[in-house]
């Protein structure tokens, strides 16, 4: 997405209708989906963009490519929002990639909420669920998100405490559910994970093996 003039009141919104939007009950090939092979499914290069209700996936990856990313954003303030989306990736390259990556140095604010993020098949060793660098983006909030089956579920790439996570579940990841080299998450609150970290953390019911029992429809 590039070549537009946007501001906080005049933003780009990418969305689907109610009958074709992503469902919380599972991936649905009969609904709208943005599905690409060995490429970025959606690259956000404008200052003010909102993405709502999409199914998006990248598969048969041969290099470190994100399913959704942002880059080359102009200076002067910006805001990106990802909501109500189901995002996944299949990476066969052996190179680390991210399903969702927010790290452009000119992105000043972002919200990610009501999303499900995961790796297709058994690629936990190479796919990180979400990579967010609040040192670059200024501030970021993640809330009511499920991340599972990846290498590192949510990865904070910053050296400062600007990433805030609320009411989020990160589990069955082969690395860390919440990963950062310097432990710089600002807030992890009322969230559930195998790592049981953060304030007011919620443990699942059986030491990792019982996650399916903690969801109404665990298969989806």
N, C-alpha and C. Protein backbone atom coordinates (compact mmCIF):
# COMPACT_ATOMS: atom_id res chain seq x y z
N UNK A 1 0.85 -1.17 0.00
CA UNK A 1 0.00 0.00 0.00
C UNK A 1 0.90 1.23 0.00
N UNK A 2 0.96 1.94 -1.11
CA UNK A 2 1.82 3.11 -1.20
C UNK A 2 1.27 4.06 -2.26
N UNK A 3 1.73 5.32 -2.22
CA UNK A 3 1.33 6.29 -3.22
C UNK A 3 0.14 7.13 -2.82
N UNK A 4 -0.23 7.13 -1.53
CA UNK A 4 -1.38 7.88 -1.05
C UNK A 4 -0.93 8.95 -0.05
N UNK A 5 -1.77 9.95 0.16
CA UNK A 5 -1.55 10.95 1.20
C UNK A 5 -2.56 10.69 2.31
N UNK A 6 -2.09 10.42 3.52
CA UNK A 6 -2.97 10.06 4.62
C UNK A 6 -2.66 10.92 5.84
N UNK A 7 -3.63 11.01 6.75
CA UNK A 7 -3.41 11.60 8.06
C UNK A 7 -4.35 10.91 9.04
N UNK A 8 -4.40 11.39 10.28
CA UNK A 8 -5.16 10.70 11.31
C UNK A 8 -6.66 10.67 11.02
N UNK A 9 -7.17 11.64 10.26
CA UNK A 9 -8.59 11.67 9.91
C UNK A 9 -8.88 11.10 8.53
N UNK A 10 -7.87 10.95 7.72
CA UNK A 10 -8.02 10.46 6.34
C UNK A 10 -7.05 9.29 6.14
N UNK A 11 -7.50 8.12 6.55
CA UNK A 11 -6.64 6.95 6.57
C UNK A 11 -7.14 5.91 5.57
N UNK A 12 -6.27 4.97 5.27
CA UNK A 12 -6.63 3.84 4.41
C UNK A 12 -7.18 2.72 5.28
N UNK A 13 -8.32 2.18 4.91
CA UNK A 13 -8.90 1.04 5.61
C UNK A 13 -9.04 -0.12 4.65
N UNK A 14 -8.42 -1.23 5.00
CA UNK A 14 -8.48 -2.45 4.20
C UNK A 14 -9.33 -3.45 4.99
N UNK A 15 -10.46 -3.87 4.42
CA UNK A 15 -11.37 -4.69 5.18
C UNK A 15 -12.23 -5.56 4.25
N UNK A 16 -12.96 -6.48 4.84
CA UNK A 16 -13.91 -7.29 4.10
C UNK A 16 -15.30 -7.10 4.68
N UNK A 17 -16.31 -7.53 3.95
CA UNK A 17 -17.68 -7.43 4.44
C UNK A 17 -17.94 -8.47 5.52
N UNK A 18 -19.04 -8.33 6.20
CA UNK A 18 -19.37 -9.21 7.31
C UNK A 18 -19.45 -10.67 6.90
N UNK A 19 -19.89 -10.94 5.69
CA UNK A 19 -20.07 -12.33 5.25
C UNK A 19 -18.79 -12.96 4.70
N UNK A 20 -17.74 -12.16 4.51
CA UNK A 20 -16.49 -12.70 3.96
C UNK A 20 -15.29 -12.48 4.87
N UNK A 21 -15.51 -11.89 6.04
CA UNK A 21 -14.39 -11.59 6.94
C UNK A 21 -13.88 -12.84 7.64
N UNK A 22 -12.70 -12.74 8.24
CA UNK A 22 -12.12 -13.86 8.98
C UNK A 22 -13.02 -14.25 10.14
N UNK A 23 -13.07 -15.56 10.41
CA UNK A 23 -13.89 -16.08 11.50
C UNK A 23 -12.99 -16.52 12.65
N UNK A 24 -13.49 -16.35 13.87
CA UNK A 24 -12.74 -16.83 15.03
C UNK A 24 -12.77 -18.35 15.12
N UNK A 25 -13.69 -18.99 14.39
CA UNK A 25 -13.86 -20.44 14.48
C UNK A 25 -12.97 -21.22 13.52
N UNK A 26 -12.07 -20.56 12.79
CA UNK A 26 -11.15 -21.29 11.94
C UNK A 26 -10.94 -20.66 10.58
N UNK A 27 -9.86 -21.05 9.93
CA UNK A 27 -9.58 -20.60 8.57
C UNK A 27 -10.66 -21.13 7.64
N UNK A 28 -11.11 -20.31 6.69
CA UNK A 28 -12.21 -20.69 5.83
C UNK A 28 -11.87 -20.31 4.39
N UNK A 29 -11.59 -21.32 3.56
CA UNK A 29 -11.21 -21.06 2.17
C UNK A 29 -12.37 -20.51 1.35
N UNK A 30 -13.59 -20.61 1.85
CA UNK A 30 -14.72 -20.07 1.10
C UNK A 30 -14.89 -18.57 1.33
N UNK A 31 -14.17 -18.03 2.29
CA UNK A 31 -14.22 -16.60 2.55
C UNK A 31 -13.02 -15.90 1.92
N UNK A 32 -13.08 -14.57 1.90
CA UNK A 32 -11.97 -13.85 1.29
C UNK A 32 -10.67 -14.18 2.01
N UNK A 33 -9.62 -14.40 1.24
CA UNK A 33 -8.30 -14.65 1.82
C UNK A 33 -7.24 -14.07 0.92
N UNK A 34 -6.21 -13.53 1.53
CA UNK A 34 -5.05 -13.01 0.83
C UNK A 34 -3.95 -14.05 1.00
N UNK A 35 -3.70 -14.84 -0.03
CA UNK A 35 -2.83 -16.01 0.07
C UNK A 35 -1.77 -15.93 -1.02
N UNK A 36 -0.48 -15.87 -0.61
CA UNK A 36 0.60 -15.71 -1.58
C UNK A 36 1.71 -16.71 -1.30
N UNK A 37 2.41 -17.09 -2.36
CA UNK A 37 3.54 -18.02 -2.25
C UNK A 37 4.86 -17.26 -2.28
N UNK A 38 5.68 -17.49 -1.26
CA UNK A 38 7.03 -16.94 -1.18
C UNK A 38 7.05 -15.42 -1.41
N UNK A 39 6.14 -14.71 -0.75
CA UNK A 39 6.07 -13.26 -0.91
C UNK A 39 5.35 -12.66 0.29
N UNK A 40 5.53 -11.36 0.49
CA UNK A 40 4.79 -10.62 1.51
C UNK A 40 3.34 -10.51 1.04
N UNK A 41 2.41 -10.88 1.88
CA UNK A 41 1.00 -10.80 1.50
C UNK A 41 0.54 -9.35 1.48
N UNK A 42 0.96 -8.55 2.46
CA UNK A 42 0.51 -7.17 2.55
C UNK A 42 1.61 -6.32 3.17
N UNK A 43 2.07 -5.31 2.43
CA UNK A 43 3.10 -4.40 2.92
C UNK A 43 2.51 -3.00 3.06
N UNK A 44 2.53 -2.48 4.28
CA UNK A 44 1.92 -1.19 4.58
C UNK A 44 3.00 -0.11 4.55
N UNK A 45 2.93 0.77 3.56
CA UNK A 45 3.97 1.78 3.39
C UNK A 45 3.44 3.21 3.51
N UNK A 46 2.19 3.33 3.97
CA UNK A 46 1.63 4.65 4.21
C UNK A 46 1.55 4.94 5.71
N UNK A 47 1.36 6.20 6.07
CA UNK A 47 1.45 6.59 7.46
C UNK A 47 0.25 6.13 8.30
N UNK A 48 -0.95 6.18 7.74
CA UNK A 48 -2.14 5.86 8.52
C UNK A 48 -2.95 4.77 7.79
N UNK A 49 -2.89 3.56 8.34
CA UNK A 49 -3.53 2.41 7.69
C UNK A 49 -4.20 1.54 8.75
N UNK A 50 -5.40 1.05 8.42
CA UNK A 50 -6.10 0.11 9.28
C UNK A 50 -6.47 -1.13 8.47
N UNK A 51 -6.23 -2.29 9.03
CA UNK A 51 -6.55 -3.56 8.38
C UNK A 51 -7.50 -4.31 9.30
N UNK A 52 -8.66 -4.70 8.77
CA UNK A 52 -9.67 -5.30 9.63
C UNK A 52 -10.33 -6.50 8.95
N UNK A 53 -10.34 -7.63 9.67
CA UNK A 53 -11.14 -8.78 9.26
C UNK A 53 -10.56 -9.63 8.15
N UNK A 54 -9.24 -9.56 7.90
CA UNK A 54 -8.66 -10.32 6.79
C UNK A 54 -8.15 -11.68 7.25
N UNK A 55 -8.25 -12.66 6.36
CA UNK A 55 -7.44 -13.87 6.42
C UNK A 55 -6.24 -13.62 5.50
N UNK A 56 -5.02 -13.77 6.01
CA UNK A 56 -3.83 -13.57 5.18
C UNK A 56 -2.80 -14.63 5.51
N UNK A 57 -2.14 -15.14 4.47
CA UNK A 57 -1.12 -16.15 4.68
C UNK A 57 -0.03 -16.04 3.63
N UNK A 58 1.18 -16.41 4.04
CA UNK A 58 2.29 -16.62 3.12
C UNK A 58 2.73 -18.08 3.29
N UNK A 59 2.99 -18.75 2.16
CA UNK A 59 3.34 -20.17 2.25
C UNK A 59 4.47 -20.49 1.27
N UNK A 60 5.05 -21.68 1.43
CA UNK A 60 6.20 -22.11 0.62
C UNK A 60 7.29 -21.05 0.60
N UNK A 61 7.59 -20.50 1.78
CA UNK A 61 8.59 -19.45 1.88
C UNK A 61 9.98 -19.99 1.61
N UNK A 62 10.74 -19.27 0.81
CA UNK A 62 12.12 -19.64 0.53
C UNK A 62 13.10 -18.65 1.12
N UNK A 63 12.59 -17.62 1.81
CA UNK A 63 13.45 -16.61 2.43
C UNK A 63 12.70 -15.97 3.59
N UNK A 64 13.37 -15.07 4.29
CA UNK A 64 12.78 -14.44 5.47
C UNK A 64 11.84 -13.32 5.05
N UNK A 65 10.58 -13.67 4.88
CA UNK A 65 9.55 -12.72 4.43
C UNK A 65 8.41 -12.74 5.43
N UNK A 66 7.81 -11.58 5.67
CA UNK A 66 6.69 -11.48 6.59
C UNK A 66 5.36 -11.62 5.84
N UNK A 67 4.36 -12.12 6.53
CA UNK A 67 3.02 -12.15 5.93
C UNK A 67 2.46 -10.74 5.83
N UNK A 68 2.50 -9.98 6.93
CA UNK A 68 2.17 -8.56 6.90
C UNK A 68 3.31 -7.79 7.54
N UNK A 69 3.75 -6.74 6.86
CA UNK A 69 4.79 -5.89 7.45
C UNK A 69 4.52 -4.44 7.11
N UNK A 70 5.33 -3.57 7.65
CA UNK A 70 5.30 -2.18 7.22
C UNK A 70 6.73 -1.70 7.01
N UNK A 71 6.91 -0.79 6.08
CA UNK A 71 8.25 -0.31 5.74
C UNK A 71 8.13 0.98 4.94
N UNK A 72 9.23 1.72 4.90
CA UNK A 72 9.35 2.93 4.09
C UNK A 72 8.23 3.92 4.42
N UNK A 73 7.95 4.10 5.69
CA UNK A 73 6.93 5.04 6.11
C UNK A 73 7.55 6.42 6.27
N UNK A 74 6.85 7.45 5.79
CA UNK A 74 7.37 8.82 5.87
C UNK A 74 7.38 9.30 7.32
N UNK A 75 8.24 10.26 7.61
CA UNK A 75 8.29 10.85 8.94
C UNK A 75 7.09 11.78 9.15
N UNK A 76 6.86 12.15 10.42
CA UNK A 76 5.82 13.13 10.69
C UNK A 76 4.58 12.58 11.37
N UNK A 77 4.68 11.43 11.99
CA UNK A 77 3.54 10.85 12.69
C UNK A 77 2.85 9.78 11.87
N UNK A 78 2.43 8.69 12.53
CA UNK A 78 1.77 7.60 11.82
C UNK A 78 1.09 6.68 12.82
N UNK A 79 0.11 5.93 12.32
CA UNK A 79 -0.61 4.97 13.15
C UNK A 79 -1.09 3.82 12.28
N UNK A 80 -0.78 2.59 12.71
CA UNK A 80 -1.24 1.39 12.03
C UNK A 80 -2.06 0.55 13.01
N UNK A 81 -3.15 -0.03 12.49
CA UNK A 81 -4.00 -0.86 13.33
C UNK A 81 -4.35 -2.14 12.59
N UNK A 82 -4.16 -3.28 13.25
CA UNK A 82 -4.52 -4.59 12.72
C UNK A 82 -5.55 -5.18 13.67
N UNK A 83 -6.75 -5.50 13.17
CA UNK A 83 -7.80 -5.98 14.05
C UNK A 83 -8.62 -7.08 13.38
N UNK A 84 -9.08 -8.02 14.21
CA UNK A 84 -10.01 -9.07 13.77
C UNK A 84 -9.49 -9.88 12.58
N UNK A 85 -8.20 -10.14 12.58
CA UNK A 85 -7.57 -10.85 11.46
C UNK A 85 -7.09 -12.23 11.89
N UNK A 86 -7.00 -13.13 10.92
CA UNK A 86 -6.39 -14.45 11.11
C UNK A 86 -5.20 -14.52 10.17
N UNK A 87 -3.99 -14.65 10.75
CA UNK A 87 -2.75 -14.55 9.98
C UNK A 87 -1.91 -15.80 10.22
N UNK A 88 -1.32 -16.34 9.14
CA UNK A 88 -0.50 -17.52 9.30
C UNK A 88 0.61 -17.56 8.25
N UNK A 89 1.59 -18.45 8.48
CA UNK A 89 2.72 -18.54 7.56
C UNK A 89 3.31 -19.94 7.59
N UNK A 90 3.85 -20.35 6.43
CA UNK A 90 4.55 -21.62 6.29
C UNK A 90 5.92 -21.31 5.70
N UNK A 91 6.98 -21.53 6.47
CA UNK A 91 8.33 -21.16 6.04
C UNK A 91 9.18 -22.42 5.94
N UNK A 92 9.63 -22.72 4.73
CA UNK A 92 10.47 -23.90 4.50
C UNK A 92 11.93 -23.57 4.30
N UNK A 93 12.30 -22.30 4.48
CA UNK A 93 13.64 -21.86 4.11
C UNK A 93 14.68 -22.12 5.19
N UNK A 94 14.23 -22.28 6.44
CA UNK A 94 15.17 -22.40 7.54
C UNK A 94 15.68 -21.07 8.04
N UNK A 95 15.24 -19.96 7.44
CA UNK A 95 15.60 -18.61 7.86
C UNK A 95 14.46 -18.04 8.68
N UNK A 96 14.78 -17.36 9.78
CA UNK A 96 13.75 -16.81 10.65
C UNK A 96 12.90 -15.78 9.92
N UNK A 97 11.59 -15.90 10.06
CA UNK A 97 10.66 -14.93 9.50
C UNK A 97 9.60 -14.62 10.55
N UNK A 98 8.70 -13.70 10.22
CA UNK A 98 7.66 -13.30 11.16
C UNK A 98 6.31 -13.28 10.44
N UNK A 99 5.27 -13.75 11.11
CA UNK A 99 3.95 -13.64 10.51
C UNK A 99 3.57 -12.16 10.41
N UNK A 100 3.79 -11.42 11.49
CA UNK A 100 3.48 -9.99 11.51
C UNK A 100 4.69 -9.25 12.03
N UNK A 101 5.13 -8.22 11.31
CA UNK A 101 6.33 -7.48 11.70
C UNK A 101 6.05 -5.98 11.66
N UNK A 102 6.20 -5.32 12.82
CA UNK A 102 6.08 -3.87 12.93
C UNK A 102 7.40 -3.33 13.47
N UNK A 103 8.20 -2.72 12.63
CA UNK A 103 9.51 -2.26 13.12
C UNK A 103 10.06 -1.06 12.38
N UNK A 104 9.27 -0.41 11.53
CA UNK A 104 9.77 0.76 10.83
C UNK A 104 10.03 1.89 11.82
N UNK A 105 11.16 2.58 11.67
CA UNK A 105 11.57 3.60 12.64
C UNK A 105 10.67 4.82 12.65
N UNK A 106 9.81 4.98 11.63
CA UNK A 106 8.94 6.15 11.58
C UNK A 106 7.50 5.85 11.96
N UNK A 107 7.19 4.62 12.36
CA UNK A 107 5.85 4.31 12.83
C UNK A 107 5.75 4.69 14.30
N UNK A 108 4.92 5.67 14.63
CA UNK A 108 4.92 6.20 15.99
C UNK A 108 3.92 5.52 16.92
N UNK A 109 2.89 4.87 16.37
CA UNK A 109 1.92 4.23 17.24
C UNK A 109 1.23 3.09 16.49
N UNK A 110 0.89 2.01 17.23
CA UNK A 110 0.21 0.89 16.59
C UNK A 110 -0.62 0.12 17.61
N UNK A 111 -1.72 -0.45 17.13
CA UNK A 111 -2.57 -1.33 17.92
C UNK A 111 -2.80 -2.62 17.14
N UNK A 112 -2.72 -3.74 17.84
CA UNK A 112 -3.00 -5.06 17.26
C UNK A 112 -3.95 -5.75 18.22
N UNK A 113 -5.16 -6.07 17.76
CA UNK A 113 -6.12 -6.66 18.68
C UNK A 113 -7.10 -7.59 17.96
N UNK A 114 -7.68 -8.50 18.76
CA UNK A 114 -8.67 -9.47 18.26
C UNK A 114 -8.15 -10.25 17.05
N UNK A 115 -6.89 -10.67 17.13
CA UNK A 115 -6.27 -11.40 16.02
C UNK A 115 -5.81 -12.79 16.48
N UNK A 116 -5.70 -13.71 15.52
CA UNK A 116 -5.13 -15.04 15.75
C UNK A 116 -3.94 -15.19 14.80
N UNK A 117 -2.79 -15.53 15.37
CA UNK A 117 -1.53 -15.57 14.62
C UNK A 117 -0.87 -16.91 14.87
N UNK A 118 -0.46 -17.62 13.79
CA UNK A 118 0.13 -18.93 14.01
C UNK A 118 0.95 -19.38 12.81
N UNK A 119 1.75 -20.43 13.01
CA UNK A 119 2.52 -21.04 11.93
C UNK A 119 1.74 -22.23 11.37
N UNK A 120 1.74 -22.35 10.05
CA UNK A 120 1.13 -23.52 9.43
C UNK A 120 2.05 -24.72 9.61
N UNK A 121 1.48 -25.90 9.70
CA UNK A 121 2.19 -27.17 9.81
C UNK A 121 3.19 -27.14 10.96
N UNK A 122 4.39 -27.65 10.77
CA UNK A 122 5.34 -27.82 11.87
C UNK A 122 6.59 -26.98 11.65
N UNK A 123 6.41 -25.69 11.48
CA UNK A 123 7.55 -24.80 11.21
C UNK A 123 7.92 -23.95 12.41
N UNK A 124 7.78 -24.51 13.60
CA UNK A 124 8.03 -23.73 14.80
C UNK A 124 9.47 -23.23 14.91
N UNK A 125 10.40 -23.92 14.28
CA UNK A 125 11.81 -23.55 14.43
C UNK A 125 12.21 -22.31 13.67
N UNK A 126 11.37 -21.82 12.75
CA UNK A 126 11.78 -20.70 11.91
C UNK A 126 10.83 -19.52 11.92
N UNK A 127 9.59 -19.69 12.35
CA UNK A 127 8.58 -18.63 12.25
C UNK A 127 8.29 -18.03 13.62
N UNK A 128 8.53 -16.73 13.78
CA UNK A 128 8.09 -16.01 14.96
C UNK A 128 6.69 -15.46 14.68
N UNK A 129 5.84 -15.47 15.68
CA UNK A 129 4.48 -15.01 15.48
C UNK A 129 4.41 -13.52 15.18
N UNK A 130 4.86 -12.70 16.12
CA UNK A 130 4.81 -11.25 15.96
C UNK A 130 6.14 -10.64 16.39
N UNK A 131 6.69 -9.80 15.54
CA UNK A 131 7.90 -9.06 15.89
C UNK A 131 7.54 -7.57 15.93
N UNK A 132 7.66 -6.98 17.11
CA UNK A 132 7.31 -5.58 17.29
C UNK A 132 8.49 -4.89 17.95
N UNK A 133 8.89 -3.77 17.37
CA UNK A 133 10.05 -3.05 17.90
C UNK A 133 9.61 -1.66 18.36
N UNK A 134 9.12 -1.55 19.60
CA UNK A 134 8.61 -0.27 20.07
C UNK A 134 9.69 0.80 20.23
N UNK A 135 10.95 0.42 20.27
CA UNK A 135 12.00 1.43 20.27
C UNK A 135 11.92 2.24 18.98
N UNK A 136 11.53 1.58 17.91
CA UNK A 136 11.37 2.25 16.63
C UNK A 136 9.98 2.85 16.47
N UNK A 137 8.95 2.11 16.84
CA UNK A 137 7.60 2.56 16.55
C UNK A 137 7.07 3.57 17.55
N UNK A 138 7.74 3.77 18.67
CA UNK A 138 7.28 4.73 19.65
C UNK A 138 6.46 4.07 20.73
N UNK A 139 5.33 3.48 20.40
CA UNK A 139 4.54 2.73 21.36
C UNK A 139 3.69 1.72 20.61
N UNK A 140 3.38 0.62 21.26
CA UNK A 140 2.56 -0.41 20.63
C UNK A 140 1.74 -1.11 21.69
N UNK A 141 0.50 -1.44 21.33
CA UNK A 141 -0.38 -2.18 22.22
C UNK A 141 -0.86 -3.44 21.51
N UNK A 142 -0.83 -4.54 22.23
CA UNK A 142 -1.34 -5.81 21.74
C UNK A 142 -2.36 -6.29 22.76
N UNK A 143 -3.59 -6.55 22.33
CA UNK A 143 -4.59 -7.00 23.28
C UNK A 143 -5.62 -7.91 22.62
N UNK A 144 -6.07 -8.88 23.44
CA UNK A 144 -7.04 -9.88 22.99
C UNK A 144 -6.56 -10.60 21.73
N UNK A 145 -5.32 -11.08 21.78
CA UNK A 145 -4.68 -11.77 20.65
C UNK A 145 -4.32 -13.19 21.09
N UNK A 146 -4.40 -14.14 20.15
CA UNK A 146 -3.93 -15.50 20.37
C UNK A 146 -2.78 -15.77 19.42
N UNK A 147 -1.65 -16.22 19.97
CA UNK A 147 -0.48 -16.59 19.18
C UNK A 147 -0.06 -18.00 19.58
N UNK A 148 0.10 -18.90 18.60
CA UNK A 148 0.47 -20.27 18.98
C UNK A 148 1.20 -20.97 17.83
N UNK A 149 1.92 -22.05 18.19
CA UNK A 149 2.54 -22.91 17.20
C UNK A 149 3.68 -22.28 16.43
N UNK A 150 4.31 -21.24 16.98
CA UNK A 150 5.42 -20.57 16.31
C UNK A 150 6.73 -20.86 17.04
N UNK A 151 7.79 -20.15 16.68
CA UNK A 151 9.03 -20.27 17.46
C UNK A 151 8.90 -19.38 18.70
N UNK A 152 9.03 -18.06 18.54
CA UNK A 152 8.75 -17.12 19.62
C UNK A 152 7.40 -16.48 19.33
N UNK A 153 6.50 -16.55 20.30
CA UNK A 153 5.15 -16.07 20.07
C UNK A 153 5.11 -14.58 19.76
N UNK A 154 5.44 -13.75 20.74
CA UNK A 154 5.50 -12.30 20.57
C UNK A 154 6.91 -11.86 20.92
N UNK A 155 7.57 -11.23 19.97
CA UNK A 155 8.98 -10.87 20.14
C UNK A 155 9.12 -9.35 20.19
N UNK A 156 9.66 -8.87 21.29
CA UNK A 156 9.93 -7.45 21.45
C UNK A 156 11.39 -7.22 21.06
N UNK A 157 11.60 -6.46 19.99
CA UNK A 157 12.96 -6.23 19.51
C UNK A 157 13.60 -4.97 20.02
N UNK A 158 12.98 -4.33 21.03
CA UNK A 158 13.45 -3.01 21.44
C UNK A 158 14.46 -3.09 22.56
N UNK A 159 15.03 -1.93 22.86
CA UNK A 159 15.89 -1.79 24.04
C UNK A 159 15.23 -0.91 25.08
N UNK A 160 13.97 -0.58 24.88
CA UNK A 160 13.23 0.26 25.82
C UNK A 160 11.87 -0.37 26.11
N UNK A 161 11.21 0.09 27.15
CA UNK A 161 9.97 -0.53 27.58
C UNK A 161 8.77 0.21 27.00
N UNK A 162 8.36 -0.16 25.79
CA UNK A 162 7.26 0.52 25.14
C UNK A 162 6.21 -0.42 24.54
N UNK A 163 6.38 -1.69 24.74
CA UNK A 163 5.41 -2.66 24.22
C UNK A 163 4.49 -3.12 25.35
N UNK A 164 3.18 -2.95 25.16
CA UNK A 164 2.20 -3.27 26.18
C UNK A 164 1.27 -4.38 25.68
N UNK A 165 1.14 -5.44 26.46
CA UNK A 165 0.35 -6.61 26.08
C UNK A 165 -0.72 -6.86 27.15
N UNK A 166 -1.97 -7.00 26.71
CA UNK A 166 -3.07 -7.23 27.63
C UNK A 166 -3.97 -8.37 27.11
N UNK A 167 -4.52 -9.14 28.02
CA UNK A 167 -5.57 -10.12 27.68
C UNK A 167 -5.21 -10.96 26.47
N UNK A 168 -4.00 -11.44 26.45
CA UNK A 168 -3.48 -12.17 25.28
C UNK A 168 -3.03 -13.57 25.70
N UNK A 169 -3.18 -14.53 24.78
CA UNK A 169 -2.76 -15.90 25.03
C UNK A 169 -1.65 -16.26 24.05
N UNK A 170 -0.51 -16.71 24.56
CA UNK A 170 0.61 -17.15 23.73
C UNK A 170 1.06 -18.51 24.25
N UNK A 171 0.98 -19.56 23.41
CA UNK A 171 1.21 -20.91 23.94
C UNK A 171 1.67 -21.86 22.83
N UNK A 172 2.19 -23.00 23.27
CA UNK A 172 2.66 -24.06 22.36
C UNK A 172 3.63 -23.51 21.32
N UNK A 173 4.47 -22.58 21.74
CA UNK A 173 5.55 -22.07 20.90
C UNK A 173 6.85 -22.78 21.30
N UNK A 174 7.69 -23.11 20.34
CA UNK A 174 8.87 -23.90 20.65
C UNK A 174 9.93 -23.11 21.40
N UNK A 175 9.91 -21.77 21.27
CA UNK A 175 10.83 -20.92 22.02
C UNK A 175 10.11 -20.29 23.19
N UNK A 176 10.11 -18.96 23.23
CA UNK A 176 9.45 -18.23 24.31
C UNK A 176 8.08 -17.75 23.86
N UNK A 177 7.15 -17.73 24.77
CA UNK A 177 5.84 -17.16 24.46
C UNK A 177 5.91 -15.64 24.34
N UNK A 178 6.69 -15.02 25.23
CA UNK A 178 6.98 -13.59 25.16
C UNK A 178 8.49 -13.45 25.19
N UNK A 179 9.08 -13.05 24.06
CA UNK A 179 10.54 -13.08 23.93
C UNK A 179 11.11 -11.68 23.76
N UNK A 180 12.17 -11.41 24.48
CA UNK A 180 12.94 -10.20 24.27
C UNK A 180 14.34 -10.42 24.80
N UNK A 181 15.37 -9.96 24.08
CA UNK A 181 16.74 -10.15 24.56
C UNK A 181 17.01 -9.47 25.89
N UNK A 182 16.33 -8.35 26.14
CA UNK A 182 16.62 -7.57 27.35
C UNK A 182 15.44 -7.49 28.31
N UNK A 183 14.44 -8.36 28.11
CA UNK A 183 13.24 -8.37 28.96
C UNK A 183 12.64 -6.98 29.06
N UNK A 184 12.30 -6.40 27.92
CA UNK A 184 11.88 -5.01 27.88
C UNK A 184 10.40 -4.80 27.61
N UNK A 185 9.58 -5.82 27.71
CA UNK A 185 8.14 -5.57 27.65
C UNK A 185 7.78 -4.57 28.75
N UNK A 186 7.01 -3.57 28.40
CA UNK A 186 6.60 -2.61 29.42
C UNK A 186 5.53 -3.22 30.32
N UNK A 187 4.49 -3.81 29.69
CA UNK A 187 3.39 -4.41 30.44
C UNK A 187 3.00 -5.73 29.79
N UNK A 188 2.88 -6.78 30.59
CA UNK A 188 2.19 -8.01 30.19
C UNK A 188 1.18 -8.26 31.30
N UNK A 189 -0.10 -8.04 31.02
CA UNK A 189 -1.10 -8.02 32.07
C UNK A 189 -2.32 -8.86 31.68
N UNK A 190 -2.79 -9.66 32.63
CA UNK A 190 -3.96 -10.51 32.42
C UNK A 190 -3.82 -11.34 31.14
N UNK A 191 -2.66 -11.96 30.99
CA UNK A 191 -2.37 -12.78 29.81
C UNK A 191 -2.02 -14.19 30.24
N UNK A 192 -2.19 -15.14 29.34
CA UNK A 192 -1.93 -16.54 29.62
C UNK A 192 -0.85 -17.08 28.70
N UNK A 193 0.02 -17.92 29.25
CA UNK A 193 1.10 -18.50 28.45
C UNK A 193 1.67 -19.71 29.16
N UNK A 194 2.47 -20.50 28.45
CA UNK A 194 3.20 -21.58 29.09
C UNK A 194 4.26 -21.04 30.04
N UNK A 195 4.75 -19.81 29.77
CA UNK A 195 5.80 -19.21 30.59
C UNK A 195 5.28 -18.63 31.90
N UNK A 196 3.97 -18.38 31.97
CA UNK A 196 3.35 -17.82 33.18
C UNK A 196 4.06 -16.56 33.67
N UNK A 197 4.22 -15.59 32.78
CA UNK A 197 4.89 -14.36 33.16
C UNK A 197 3.93 -13.19 33.06
N UNK A 198 4.34 -12.07 33.65
CA UNK A 198 3.53 -10.87 33.65
C UNK A 198 2.72 -10.74 34.93
N UNK A 199 2.03 -9.62 35.07
CA UNK A 199 1.18 -9.39 36.23
C UNK A 199 -0.20 -9.99 35.96
N UNK A 200 -0.81 -10.49 37.04
CA UNK A 200 -2.14 -11.10 36.92
C UNK A 200 -2.17 -12.18 35.85
N UNK A 201 -1.06 -12.94 35.74
CA UNK A 201 -1.00 -13.95 34.69
C UNK A 201 -1.97 -15.10 34.99
N UNK A 202 -2.45 -15.70 33.91
CA UNK A 202 -3.44 -16.77 34.00
C UNK A 202 -2.81 -18.05 33.49
N UNK A 203 -2.67 -19.05 34.34
CA UNK A 203 -2.08 -20.33 33.94
C UNK A 203 -3.15 -21.21 33.31
N UNK A 204 -2.73 -22.01 32.31
CA UNK A 204 -3.69 -22.96 31.77
C UNK A 204 -3.84 -24.12 32.75
N UNK A 205 -4.77 -24.97 32.49
CA UNK A 205 -5.24 -25.88 33.54
C UNK A 205 -4.40 -27.12 33.76
N UNK A 206 -3.40 -27.40 32.90
CA UNK A 206 -2.72 -28.67 33.10
C UNK A 206 -1.26 -28.69 32.70
N UNK A 207 -0.51 -27.62 32.95
CA UNK A 207 0.92 -27.63 32.71
C UNK A 207 1.31 -27.75 31.25
N UNK A 208 0.54 -27.21 30.35
CA UNK A 208 0.89 -27.19 28.94
C UNK A 208 0.10 -28.16 28.09
N UNK A 209 -0.11 -29.36 28.60
CA UNK A 209 -0.79 -30.37 27.79
C UNK A 209 -2.28 -30.12 27.67
N UNK A 210 -2.82 -29.32 28.56
CA UNK A 210 -4.27 -29.18 28.63
C UNK A 210 -4.79 -27.94 27.93
N UNK A 211 -3.99 -27.27 27.16
CA UNK A 211 -4.49 -26.08 26.45
C UNK A 211 -5.77 -26.37 25.67
N UNK A 212 -5.88 -27.51 24.98
CA UNK A 212 -7.14 -27.76 24.25
C UNK A 212 -8.37 -27.72 25.14
N UNK A 213 -8.21 -28.05 26.42
CA UNK A 213 -9.35 -28.03 27.32
C UNK A 213 -9.74 -26.62 27.75
N UNK A 214 -8.86 -25.68 27.52
CA UNK A 214 -9.10 -24.30 27.95
C UNK A 214 -9.74 -23.44 26.87
N UNK A 215 -9.95 -24.02 25.70
CA UNK A 215 -10.61 -23.31 24.63
C UNK A 215 -11.90 -24.04 24.26
N UNK A 216 -12.90 -23.29 23.91
CA UNK A 216 -14.18 -23.88 23.54
C UNK A 216 -14.05 -24.71 22.27
N UNK A 217 -13.19 -24.25 21.32
CA UNK A 217 -12.99 -24.98 20.06
C UNK A 217 -11.50 -24.95 19.75
N UNK A 218 -10.75 -25.77 20.45
CA UNK A 218 -9.29 -25.69 20.38
C UNK A 218 -8.74 -25.98 18.99
N UNK A 219 -9.40 -26.79 18.21
CA UNK A 219 -8.90 -27.16 16.89
C UNK A 219 -8.87 -25.97 15.95
N UNK A 220 -9.63 -24.95 16.23
CA UNK A 220 -9.69 -23.77 15.37
C UNK A 220 -9.19 -22.51 16.04
